Amino acid sequence: MKEYTLELCGVKRVLPFIPIDGEKAFASFVVIGDTEMVNACAPVLAERIGAVDAVVTAEAKGIALAYEISRILGLKEFIVARKSTKNYMKNTVSASVHSITTSGEQNLYLDGTDVEKIRGKNVCLLDDVISTGESLLALEALMKNAGASVVKKAAILAEGDAASRDDIIFLQKLPLFNRTGEGEYEAL
C-alpha cells in the first residue's frame, strides 16, 4: 500500500508513510490541528482515564488533546513539558528523550511554577501516539523530579510493540510497516 487508512471513533484519515530506515516506516498521525479527531477521541479517552489531578503532555502534538481531555475531566488547566526553556521559566527540571518522530536527542523541561502545581498530585501522562515509549520515560522522569505520581499513561494510538503494553490506555493500535517496493509498504 502507498498510504494507510485509519478509522477511529467514526473519523477516517489517510496517513502517509514516513521511512524510519531503508526497510521500515510509520504512518504519520498528526492530531494537533485535527479538531474533528480530537473531539471524537477525547471523550472516549477521558472516560478511560477517569479521575486525575492533572493531565501532562509533552510539546507539541498532544497539546490540543490535553486541552480537550482536561476540559472534559473538569480540570482548570493542563501541564505542558516544553522542548526548550523560555525566559519566563524559573527553577526548571528536565529529562532527555529519543523519539522515532524526532531526529536526535531532545530535552523536556518543566517550569518550576508547573512543578508546584503537580507536586504530590496524581497525574495522567498524555500523548497522541505511544511508540517506543521514550517520550513517556522522559515525562515520568520529570514527574519524579516534580514529586508527582504518575497514575495513568494514555494516548490515542499505540504504535507497533507499544500496543502489547499493559500499563497504557489507548484507543487503537497503529502498526509499523515494512517496505515491499518503491513507495509500497505492508503492516508488520
N, C-alpha and C. Protein backbone atom coordinates (compact mmCIF):
# COMPACT_ATOMS: atom_id res chain seq x y z
N MET A 1 0.84 -1.18 0.00
CA MET A 1 0.00 0.00 0.00
C MET A 1 0.89 1.25 0.00
N LYS A 2 0.36 2.32 -0.54
CA LYS A 2 1.11 3.57 -0.63
C LYS A 2 0.76 4.55 0.49
N GLU A 3 -0.34 4.28 1.21
CA GLU A 3 -0.77 5.09 2.35
C GLU A 3 -1.62 4.20 3.25
N TYR A 4 -1.82 4.64 4.49
CA TYR A 4 -2.57 3.85 5.45
C TYR A 4 -3.86 4.57 5.80
N THR A 5 -4.98 3.86 5.73
CA THR A 5 -6.26 4.45 6.11
C THR A 5 -6.59 4.03 7.54
N LEU A 6 -6.80 5.03 8.37
CA LEU A 6 -7.11 4.84 9.78
C LEU A 6 -8.55 5.28 10.01
N GLU A 7 -9.33 4.44 10.69
CA GLU A 7 -10.67 4.84 11.11
C GLU A 7 -10.74 4.70 12.61
N LEU A 8 -11.08 5.81 13.27
CA LEU A 8 -11.02 5.86 14.72
C LEU A 8 -12.16 6.72 15.25
N CYS A 9 -12.96 6.16 16.14
CA CYS A 9 -14.09 6.89 16.74
C CYS A 9 -14.98 7.52 15.66
N GLY A 10 -15.16 6.83 14.55
CA GLY A 10 -16.02 7.29 13.48
C GLY A 10 -15.39 8.30 12.54
N VAL A 11 -14.11 8.58 12.70
CA VAL A 11 -13.40 9.55 11.85
C VAL A 11 -12.35 8.80 11.05
N LYS A 12 -12.30 9.07 9.75
CA LYS A 12 -11.35 8.38 8.86
C LYS A 12 -10.27 9.37 8.42
N ARG A 13 -9.01 8.90 8.45
CA ARG A 13 -7.89 9.68 7.97
C ARG A 13 -6.98 8.81 7.11
N VAL A 14 -6.41 9.39 6.07
CA VAL A 14 -5.43 8.71 5.23
C VAL A 14 -4.06 9.24 5.66
N LEU A 15 -3.20 8.33 6.10
CA LEU A 15 -1.91 8.70 6.67
C LEU A 15 -0.77 8.35 5.71
N PRO A 16 0.15 9.28 5.50
CA PRO A 16 1.32 8.98 4.65
C PRO A 16 2.35 8.16 5.43
N PHE A 17 3.16 7.42 4.72
CA PHE A 17 4.25 6.67 5.33
C PHE A 17 5.48 7.55 5.46
N ILE A 18 6.15 7.44 6.59
CA ILE A 18 7.40 8.15 6.84
C ILE A 18 8.46 7.08 7.12
N PRO A 19 9.47 6.97 6.25
CA PRO A 19 10.51 5.95 6.46
C PRO A 19 11.26 6.16 7.77
N ILE A 20 11.50 5.07 8.49
CA ILE A 20 12.33 5.08 9.70
C ILE A 20 13.76 4.76 9.30
N ASP A 21 13.88 3.79 8.42
CA ASP A 21 15.17 3.38 7.86
C ASP A 21 14.88 2.86 6.45
N GLY A 22 15.78 2.11 5.85
CA GLY A 22 15.57 1.62 4.49
C GLY A 22 14.45 0.61 4.35
N GLU A 23 14.06 -0.03 5.45
CA GLU A 23 13.08 -1.12 5.37
C GLU A 23 11.77 -0.85 6.11
N LYS A 24 11.79 -0.02 7.14
CA LYS A 24 10.60 0.19 7.97
C LYS A 24 10.09 1.62 7.83
N ALA A 25 8.80 1.78 8.15
CA ALA A 25 8.17 3.10 8.12
C ALA A 25 7.06 3.14 9.17
N PHE A 26 6.66 4.36 9.52
CA PHE A 26 5.47 4.54 10.35
C PHE A 26 4.47 5.37 9.57
N ALA A 27 3.20 5.24 9.94
CA ALA A 27 2.14 6.04 9.33
C ALA A 27 2.01 7.31 10.16
N SER A 28 2.16 8.46 9.53
CA SER A 28 2.21 9.73 10.23
C SER A 28 0.82 10.20 10.66
N PHE A 29 0.58 10.15 11.96
CA PHE A 29 -0.68 10.59 12.57
C PHE A 29 -0.40 11.89 13.30
N VAL A 30 -0.97 12.99 12.82
CA VAL A 30 -0.76 14.30 13.43
C VAL A 30 -2.12 14.84 13.86
N VAL A 31 -2.32 14.92 15.16
CA VAL A 31 -3.64 15.29 15.69
C VAL A 31 -3.71 16.74 16.16
N ILE A 32 -2.59 17.42 16.27
CA ILE A 32 -2.57 18.74 16.91
C ILE A 32 -3.56 19.72 16.29
N GLY A 33 -3.73 19.74 14.98
CA GLY A 33 -4.68 20.66 14.37
C GLY A 33 -5.96 20.02 13.90
N ASP A 34 -6.18 18.76 14.27
CA ASP A 34 -7.33 17.99 13.78
C ASP A 34 -8.48 18.05 14.79
N THR A 35 -9.23 19.13 14.76
CA THR A 35 -10.32 19.35 15.70
C THR A 35 -11.33 18.20 15.68
N GLU A 36 -11.67 17.72 14.48
CA GLU A 36 -12.65 16.64 14.37
C GLU A 36 -12.17 15.37 15.08
N MET A 37 -10.91 15.00 14.87
CA MET A 37 -10.37 13.79 15.51
C MET A 37 -10.26 13.98 17.02
N VAL A 38 -9.78 15.13 17.47
CA VAL A 38 -9.68 15.39 18.91
C VAL A 38 -11.06 15.32 19.55
N ASN A 39 -12.06 15.95 18.94
CA ASN A 39 -13.42 15.93 19.50
C ASN A 39 -14.02 14.55 19.52
N ALA A 40 -13.67 13.71 18.56
CA ALA A 40 -14.20 12.34 18.52
C ALA A 40 -13.52 11.44 19.56
N CYS A 41 -12.22 11.59 19.72
CA CYS A 41 -11.45 10.68 20.57
C CYS A 41 -11.39 11.09 22.04
N ALA A 42 -11.37 12.39 22.32
CA ALA A 42 -11.18 12.87 23.69
C ALA A 42 -12.22 12.34 24.68
N PRO A 43 -13.51 12.34 24.35
CA PRO A 43 -14.48 11.83 25.33
C PRO A 43 -14.26 10.35 25.68
N VAL A 44 -13.93 9.55 24.69
CA VAL A 44 -13.70 8.12 24.92
C VAL A 44 -12.45 7.92 25.78
N LEU A 45 -11.40 8.64 25.44
CA LEU A 45 -10.15 8.52 26.19
C LEU A 45 -10.31 9.07 27.61
N ALA A 46 -11.00 10.19 27.75
CA ALA A 46 -11.22 10.78 29.08
C ALA A 46 -11.98 9.82 29.99
N GLU A 47 -12.97 9.13 29.44
CA GLU A 47 -13.72 8.16 30.24
C GLU A 47 -12.81 7.03 30.71
N ARG A 48 -11.90 6.58 29.86
CA ARG A 48 -10.98 5.51 30.24
C ARG A 48 -9.93 5.99 31.23
N ILE A 49 -9.55 7.25 31.16
CA ILE A 49 -8.56 7.81 32.09
C ILE A 49 -9.18 7.95 33.47
N GLY A 50 -10.36 8.52 33.55
CA GLY A 50 -11.01 8.71 34.85
C GLY A 50 -10.42 9.88 35.62
N ALA A 51 -10.65 9.87 36.93
CA ALA A 51 -10.25 10.99 37.78
C ALA A 51 -8.74 11.06 37.97
N VAL A 52 -8.18 12.22 37.69
CA VAL A 52 -6.77 12.54 37.97
C VAL A 52 -6.72 13.99 38.41
N ASP A 53 -5.62 14.37 39.05
CA ASP A 53 -5.45 15.76 39.48
C ASP A 53 -4.95 16.66 38.36
N ALA A 54 -4.22 16.07 37.40
CA ALA A 54 -3.66 16.87 36.31
C ALA A 54 -3.37 15.99 35.10
N VAL A 55 -3.41 16.62 33.94
CA VAL A 55 -3.02 15.99 32.69
C VAL A 55 -1.72 16.68 32.25
N VAL A 56 -0.72 15.86 31.89
CA VAL A 56 0.59 16.37 31.48
C VAL A 56 0.91 15.82 30.10
N THR A 57 1.33 16.70 29.20
CA THR A 57 1.74 16.28 27.86
C THR A 57 3.06 16.94 27.50
N ALA A 58 3.74 16.37 26.53
CA ALA A 58 4.96 16.98 26.00
C ALA A 58 4.60 17.83 24.79
N GLU A 59 5.30 18.91 24.64
CA GLU A 59 5.15 19.77 23.48
C GLU A 59 5.42 18.96 22.23
N ALA A 60 4.69 18.92 21.16
CA ALA A 60 3.61 19.82 20.88
C ALA A 60 2.37 19.06 20.43
N LYS A 61 2.52 17.86 19.83
CA LYS A 61 1.36 17.25 19.17
C LYS A 61 0.23 16.85 20.10
N GLY A 62 0.50 16.67 21.39
CA GLY A 62 -0.55 16.28 22.32
C GLY A 62 -1.30 17.44 22.96
N ILE A 63 -0.92 18.68 22.64
CA ILE A 63 -1.48 19.84 23.33
C ILE A 63 -3.00 19.98 23.12
N ALA A 64 -3.47 19.88 21.90
CA ALA A 64 -4.91 20.02 21.66
C ALA A 64 -5.69 18.92 22.38
N LEU A 65 -5.17 17.72 22.36
CA LEU A 65 -5.81 16.60 23.04
C LEU A 65 -5.82 16.82 24.56
N ALA A 66 -4.70 17.29 25.11
CA ALA A 66 -4.62 17.56 26.55
C ALA A 66 -5.63 18.63 26.97
N TYR A 67 -5.77 19.66 26.15
CA TYR A 67 -6.76 20.70 26.43
C TYR A 67 -8.16 20.09 26.53
N GLU A 68 -8.54 19.33 25.52
CA GLU A 68 -9.90 18.80 25.47
C GLU A 68 -10.16 17.78 26.57
N ILE A 69 -9.20 16.92 26.85
CA ILE A 69 -9.38 15.93 27.92
C ILE A 69 -9.46 16.63 29.27
N SER A 70 -8.62 17.65 29.49
CA SER A 70 -8.69 18.41 30.74
C SER A 70 -10.05 19.07 30.90
N ARG A 71 -10.56 19.62 29.82
CA ARG A 71 -11.88 20.26 29.86
C ARG A 71 -12.96 19.25 30.22
N ILE A 72 -12.93 18.09 29.57
CA ILE A 72 -13.93 17.04 29.83
C ILE A 72 -13.84 16.54 31.27
N LEU A 73 -12.62 16.42 31.79
CA LEU A 73 -12.43 15.93 33.16
C LEU A 73 -12.71 17.00 34.21
N GLY A 74 -13.02 18.20 33.77
CA GLY A 74 -13.33 19.27 34.72
C GLY A 74 -12.11 19.90 35.37
N LEU A 75 -10.96 19.76 34.74
CA LEU A 75 -9.73 20.36 35.28
C LEU A 75 -9.60 21.80 34.77
N LYS A 76 -9.03 22.66 35.59
CA LYS A 76 -8.91 24.07 35.22
C LYS A 76 -7.76 24.34 34.28
N GLU A 77 -6.80 23.41 34.20
CA GLU A 77 -5.63 23.60 33.34
C GLU A 77 -4.97 22.26 33.09
N PHE A 78 -3.97 22.27 32.22
CA PHE A 78 -3.13 21.10 31.98
C PHE A 78 -1.69 21.59 31.92
N ILE A 79 -0.76 20.65 32.02
CA ILE A 79 0.66 20.99 32.09
C ILE A 79 1.33 20.55 30.79
N VAL A 80 2.18 21.43 30.23
CA VAL A 80 2.93 21.12 29.02
C VAL A 80 4.42 21.12 29.34
N ALA A 81 5.07 19.99 29.10
CA ALA A 81 6.53 19.92 29.19
C ALA A 81 7.08 20.50 27.89
N ARG A 82 7.96 21.46 28.01
CA ARG A 82 8.48 22.17 26.85
C ARG A 82 9.74 21.51 26.31
N LYS A 83 10.02 21.74 25.02
CA LYS A 83 11.22 21.18 24.38
C LYS A 83 12.40 22.14 24.43
N SER A 84 12.16 23.34 24.96
CA SER A 84 13.25 24.29 25.20
C SER A 84 12.83 25.16 26.37
N THR A 85 13.80 25.78 27.00
CA THR A 85 13.46 26.69 28.09
C THR A 85 13.11 28.06 27.51
N LYS A 86 12.27 28.75 28.21
CA LYS A 86 11.84 30.09 27.83
C LYS A 86 12.28 31.06 28.92
N ASN A 87 12.37 32.34 28.58
CA ASN A 87 12.83 33.34 29.54
C ASN A 87 12.00 33.38 30.81
N TYR A 88 10.72 33.10 30.71
CA TYR A 88 9.84 33.17 31.87
C TYR A 88 9.95 31.94 32.78
N MET A 89 10.63 30.90 32.33
CA MET A 89 10.72 29.66 33.10
C MET A 89 11.82 29.78 34.16
N LYS A 90 11.47 29.48 35.40
CA LYS A 90 12.41 29.52 36.52
C LYS A 90 12.40 28.18 37.23
N ASN A 91 13.54 27.81 37.80
CA ASN A 91 13.66 26.57 38.58
C ASN A 91 13.17 25.36 37.80
N THR A 92 13.63 25.22 36.56
CA THR A 92 13.17 24.14 35.69
C THR A 92 13.74 22.80 36.11
N VAL A 93 13.01 21.76 35.78
CA VAL A 93 13.53 20.39 35.85
C VAL A 93 13.54 19.88 34.41
N SER A 94 14.40 18.90 34.12
CA SER A 94 14.49 18.42 32.75
C SER A 94 14.75 16.92 32.70
N ALA A 95 14.53 16.35 31.53
CA ALA A 95 14.83 14.94 31.24
C ALA A 95 15.04 14.83 29.74
N SER A 96 15.88 13.87 29.31
CA SER A 96 16.14 13.71 27.88
C SER A 96 15.20 12.68 27.28
N VAL A 97 14.99 12.80 25.95
CA VAL A 97 14.05 11.92 25.25
C VAL A 97 14.58 11.61 23.85
N HIS A 98 14.33 10.39 23.38
CA HIS A 98 14.58 9.97 22.00
C HIS A 98 13.24 9.54 21.44
N SER A 99 12.96 9.87 20.20
CA SER A 99 11.68 9.54 19.60
C SER A 99 11.88 9.20 18.13
N ILE A 100 11.05 8.30 17.58
CA ILE A 100 11.20 7.97 16.16
C ILE A 100 10.70 9.09 15.27
N THR A 101 9.94 10.05 15.84
CA THR A 101 9.43 11.15 15.02
C THR A 101 10.32 12.39 15.08
N THR A 102 11.38 12.34 15.90
CA THR A 102 12.27 13.48 16.05
C THR A 102 13.71 13.00 15.92
N SER A 103 14.53 13.73 15.17
CA SER A 103 15.93 13.37 15.00
C SER A 103 16.72 13.72 16.25
N GLY A 104 17.58 12.79 16.67
CA GLY A 104 18.49 13.06 17.76
C GLY A 104 17.84 13.12 19.13
N GLU A 105 18.66 13.47 20.10
CA GLU A 105 18.20 13.58 21.49
C GLU A 105 17.58 14.95 21.72
N GLN A 106 16.51 14.96 22.50
CA GLN A 106 15.87 16.22 22.90
C GLN A 106 15.73 16.21 24.40
N ASN A 107 15.56 17.39 24.96
CA ASN A 107 15.28 17.51 26.38
C ASN A 107 13.87 18.05 26.55
N LEU A 108 13.23 17.63 27.62
CA LEU A 108 11.94 18.18 28.02
C LEU A 108 12.15 18.96 29.30
N TYR A 109 11.48 20.11 29.39
CA TYR A 109 11.63 21.00 30.53
C TYR A 109 10.28 21.30 31.15
N LEU A 110 10.27 21.35 32.46
CA LEU A 110 9.06 21.71 33.19
C LEU A 110 9.37 22.94 34.02
N ASP A 111 8.57 23.97 33.86
CA ASP A 111 8.73 25.21 34.61
C ASP A 111 8.47 24.96 36.09
N GLY A 112 9.24 25.64 36.94
CA GLY A 112 9.08 25.49 38.38
C GLY A 112 7.68 25.80 38.86
N THR A 113 6.99 26.73 38.22
CA THR A 113 5.60 27.04 38.58
C THR A 113 4.71 25.83 38.36
N ASP A 114 4.92 25.13 37.25
CA ASP A 114 4.15 23.92 36.98
C ASP A 114 4.52 22.79 37.94
N VAL A 115 5.80 22.73 38.32
CA VAL A 115 6.23 21.73 39.30
C VAL A 115 5.41 21.88 40.58
N GLU A 116 5.26 23.12 41.04
CA GLU A 116 4.49 23.35 42.26
C GLU A 116 3.03 22.94 42.11
N LYS A 117 2.49 23.08 40.93
CA LYS A 117 1.08 22.73 40.69
C LYS A 117 0.84 21.22 40.77
N ILE A 118 1.85 20.42 40.45
CA ILE A 118 1.63 18.97 40.41
C ILE A 118 2.33 18.20 41.53
N ARG A 119 3.14 18.87 42.32
CA ARG A 119 3.83 18.18 43.44
C ARG A 119 2.78 17.52 44.34
N GLY A 120 2.98 16.22 44.59
CA GLY A 120 2.07 15.48 45.45
C GLY A 120 0.75 15.10 44.79
N LYS A 121 0.60 15.37 43.51
CA LYS A 121 -0.65 15.12 42.80
C LYS A 121 -0.57 13.84 41.96
N ASN A 122 -1.74 13.28 41.65
CA ASN A 122 -1.86 12.13 40.75
C ASN A 122 -2.08 12.63 39.34
N VAL A 123 -1.16 12.29 38.43
CA VAL A 123 -1.22 12.83 37.08
C VAL A 123 -1.38 11.73 36.03
N CYS A 124 -1.93 12.15 34.90
CA CYS A 124 -2.01 11.31 33.71
C CYS A 124 -1.06 11.88 32.68
N LEU A 125 -0.14 11.07 32.18
CA LEU A 125 0.72 11.46 31.07
C LEU A 125 -0.03 11.18 29.79
N LEU A 126 -0.06 12.14 28.88
CA LEU A 126 -0.87 12.04 27.68
C LEU A 126 -0.05 12.36 26.45
N ASP A 127 -0.25 11.56 25.40
CA ASP A 127 0.41 11.81 24.12
C ASP A 127 -0.55 11.43 23.01
N ASP A 128 -0.22 11.82 21.79
CA ASP A 128 -1.07 11.44 20.67
C ASP A 128 -0.83 9.98 20.30
N VAL A 129 0.45 9.60 20.21
CA VAL A 129 0.86 8.23 19.86
C VAL A 129 1.96 7.79 20.82
N ILE A 130 1.84 6.58 21.34
CA ILE A 130 2.94 5.98 22.10
C ILE A 130 3.55 4.93 21.20
N SER A 131 4.86 5.06 20.96
CA SER A 131 5.56 4.12 20.08
C SER A 131 6.69 3.45 20.84
N THR A 132 7.84 4.06 20.88
CA THR A 132 8.98 3.47 21.59
C THR A 132 8.84 3.61 23.09
N GLY A 133 8.05 4.57 23.54
CA GLY A 133 7.88 4.82 24.96
C GLY A 133 8.90 5.80 25.52
N GLU A 134 9.82 6.28 24.68
CA GLU A 134 10.87 7.20 25.14
C GLU A 134 10.28 8.50 25.68
N SER A 135 9.29 9.05 25.01
CA SER A 135 8.67 10.30 25.49
C SER A 135 8.04 10.09 26.86
N LEU A 136 7.38 8.94 27.04
CA LEU A 136 6.78 8.64 28.35
C LEU A 136 7.84 8.52 29.43
N LEU A 137 8.97 7.88 29.11
CA LEU A 137 10.04 7.75 30.09
C LEU A 137 10.56 9.11 30.53
N ALA A 138 10.73 10.01 29.57
CA ALA A 138 11.19 11.36 29.91
C ALA A 138 10.16 12.08 30.76
N LEU A 139 8.87 11.96 30.40
CA LEU A 139 7.82 12.59 31.20
C LEU A 139 7.76 11.99 32.60
N GLU A 140 7.95 10.67 32.69
CA GLU A 140 7.96 10.04 34.02
C GLU A 140 9.11 10.56 34.87
N ALA A 141 10.28 10.76 34.26
CA ALA A 141 11.42 11.32 34.98
C ALA A 141 11.10 12.73 35.46
N LEU A 142 10.45 13.52 34.61
CA LEU A 142 10.05 14.87 35.01
C LEU A 142 9.09 14.83 36.19
N MET A 143 8.14 13.90 36.14
CA MET A 143 7.15 13.81 37.21
C MET A 143 7.83 13.40 38.52
N LYS A 144 8.78 12.51 38.44
CA LYS A 144 9.53 12.09 39.64
C LYS A 144 10.26 13.30 40.22
N ASN A 145 10.94 14.07 39.35
CA ASN A 145 11.65 15.28 39.81
C ASN A 145 10.70 16.30 40.40
N ALA A 146 9.48 16.33 39.91
CA ALA A 146 8.48 17.29 40.38
C ALA A 146 7.71 16.79 41.61
N GLY A 147 7.92 15.54 41.97
CA GLY A 147 7.22 14.98 43.13
C GLY A 147 5.78 14.60 42.85
N ALA A 148 5.46 14.37 41.58
CA ALA A 148 4.10 13.95 41.20
C ALA A 148 4.06 12.44 41.03
N SER A 149 2.88 11.86 41.19
CA SER A 149 2.68 10.42 41.00
C SER A 149 1.98 10.18 39.67
N VAL A 150 2.62 9.39 38.81
CA VAL A 150 2.01 9.02 37.54
C VAL A 150 1.07 7.86 37.81
N VAL A 151 -0.23 8.10 37.65
CA VAL A 151 -1.23 7.06 37.90
C VAL A 151 -1.85 6.53 36.61
N LYS A 152 -1.72 7.29 35.50
CA LYS A 152 -2.23 6.86 34.21
C LYS A 152 -1.29 7.34 33.12
N LYS A 153 -1.21 6.56 32.04
CA LYS A 153 -0.48 6.94 30.83
C LYS A 153 -1.40 6.62 29.67
N ALA A 154 -1.67 7.62 28.83
CA ALA A 154 -2.69 7.43 27.80
C ALA A 154 -2.29 8.08 26.48
N ALA A 155 -2.84 7.54 25.40
CA ALA A 155 -2.64 8.08 24.06
C ALA A 155 -3.81 7.66 23.19
N ILE A 156 -3.96 8.34 22.07
CA ILE A 156 -4.98 7.92 21.11
C ILE A 156 -4.58 6.59 20.50
N LEU A 157 -3.31 6.48 20.09
CA LEU A 157 -2.83 5.28 19.41
C LEU A 157 -1.60 4.70 20.10
N ALA A 158 -1.47 3.39 20.04
CA ALA A 158 -0.26 2.69 20.45
C ALA A 158 0.33 2.07 19.19
N GLU A 159 1.56 2.44 18.90
CA GLU A 159 2.20 2.04 17.65
C GLU A 159 3.14 0.87 17.86
N GLY A 160 3.04 -0.11 16.96
CA GLY A 160 3.94 -1.25 17.00
C GLY A 160 3.83 -2.03 18.29
N ASP A 161 4.98 -2.34 18.90
CA ASP A 161 5.02 -3.15 20.13
C ASP A 161 4.36 -2.47 21.32
N ALA A 162 4.20 -1.16 21.28
CA ALA A 162 3.57 -0.46 22.41
C ALA A 162 2.16 -0.97 22.66
N ALA A 163 1.51 -1.50 21.63
CA ALA A 163 0.13 -1.99 21.78
C ALA A 163 0.04 -3.20 22.70
N SER A 164 1.17 -3.87 22.97
CA SER A 164 1.12 -5.01 23.87
C SER A 164 1.46 -4.63 25.32
N ARG A 165 1.72 -3.36 25.56
CA ARG A 165 1.97 -2.91 26.93
C ARG A 165 0.67 -2.92 27.72
N ASP A 166 0.76 -3.29 28.99
CA ASP A 166 -0.44 -3.29 29.82
C ASP A 166 -0.49 -2.10 30.77
N ASP A 167 0.46 -1.17 30.65
CA ASP A 167 0.50 -0.01 31.54
C ASP A 167 0.02 1.27 30.86
N ILE A 168 -0.52 1.16 29.65
CA ILE A 168 -1.00 2.35 28.95
C ILE A 168 -2.46 2.17 28.52
N ILE A 169 -3.14 3.30 28.41
CA ILE A 169 -4.51 3.34 27.92
C ILE A 169 -4.42 3.90 26.49
N PHE A 170 -5.06 3.22 25.55
CA PHE A 170 -5.08 3.73 24.18
C PHE A 170 -6.35 3.26 23.49
N LEU A 171 -6.69 3.93 22.40
CA LEU A 171 -7.93 3.61 21.70
C LEU A 171 -7.75 2.58 20.60
N GLN A 172 -6.58 2.57 19.95
CA GLN A 172 -6.39 1.67 18.83
C GLN A 172 -4.90 1.46 18.58
N LYS A 173 -4.58 0.29 18.01
CA LYS A 173 -3.20 0.01 17.60
C LYS A 173 -2.94 0.62 16.23
N LEU A 174 -1.75 1.17 16.07
CA LEU A 174 -1.26 1.66 14.78
C LEU A 174 -0.05 0.81 14.43
N PRO A 175 -0.13 0.01 13.38
CA PRO A 175 1.01 -0.87 13.07
C PRO A 175 2.21 -0.08 12.54
N LEU A 176 3.35 -0.71 12.61
CA LEU A 176 4.52 -0.26 11.88
C LEU A 176 4.49 -0.99 10.55
N PHE A 177 5.31 -0.58 9.59
CA PHE A 177 5.22 -1.12 8.24
C PHE A 177 6.59 -1.49 7.69
N ASN A 178 6.61 -2.55 6.88
CA ASN A 178 7.79 -3.00 6.16
C ASN A 178 7.69 -2.56 4.71
N ARG A 179 8.79 -2.15 4.16
CA ARG A 179 8.83 -1.76 2.75
C ARG A 179 8.75 -3.00 1.87
N THR A 180 7.89 -2.96 0.86
CA THR A 180 7.75 -4.08 -0.07
C THR A 180 8.17 -3.70 -1.48
N GLY A 181 8.29 -2.42 -1.74
CA GLY A 181 8.67 -1.93 -3.07
C GLY A 181 8.82 -0.42 -3.01
N GLU A 182 9.04 0.20 -4.13
CA GLU A 182 9.22 1.65 -4.19
C GLU A 182 7.93 2.36 -3.74
N GLY A 183 7.97 2.96 -2.55
CA GLY A 183 6.81 3.66 -2.02
C GLY A 183 5.69 2.76 -1.54
N GLU A 184 5.92 1.46 -1.47
CA GLU A 184 4.90 0.49 -1.06
C GLU A 184 5.29 -0.14 0.28
N TYR A 185 4.29 -0.31 1.16
CA TYR A 185 4.53 -0.88 2.48
C TYR A 185 3.41 -1.83 2.85
N GLU A 186 3.73 -2.75 3.78
CA GLU A 186 2.73 -3.64 4.37
C GLU A 186 2.89 -3.62 5.87
N ALA A 187 1.79 -3.83 6.57
CA ALA A 187 1.81 -3.81 8.03
C ALA A 187 2.62 -4.98 8.56
N LEU A 188 3.37 -4.71 9.62
CA LEU A 188 4.12 -5.78 10.30
C LEU A 188 3.19 -6.63 11.13
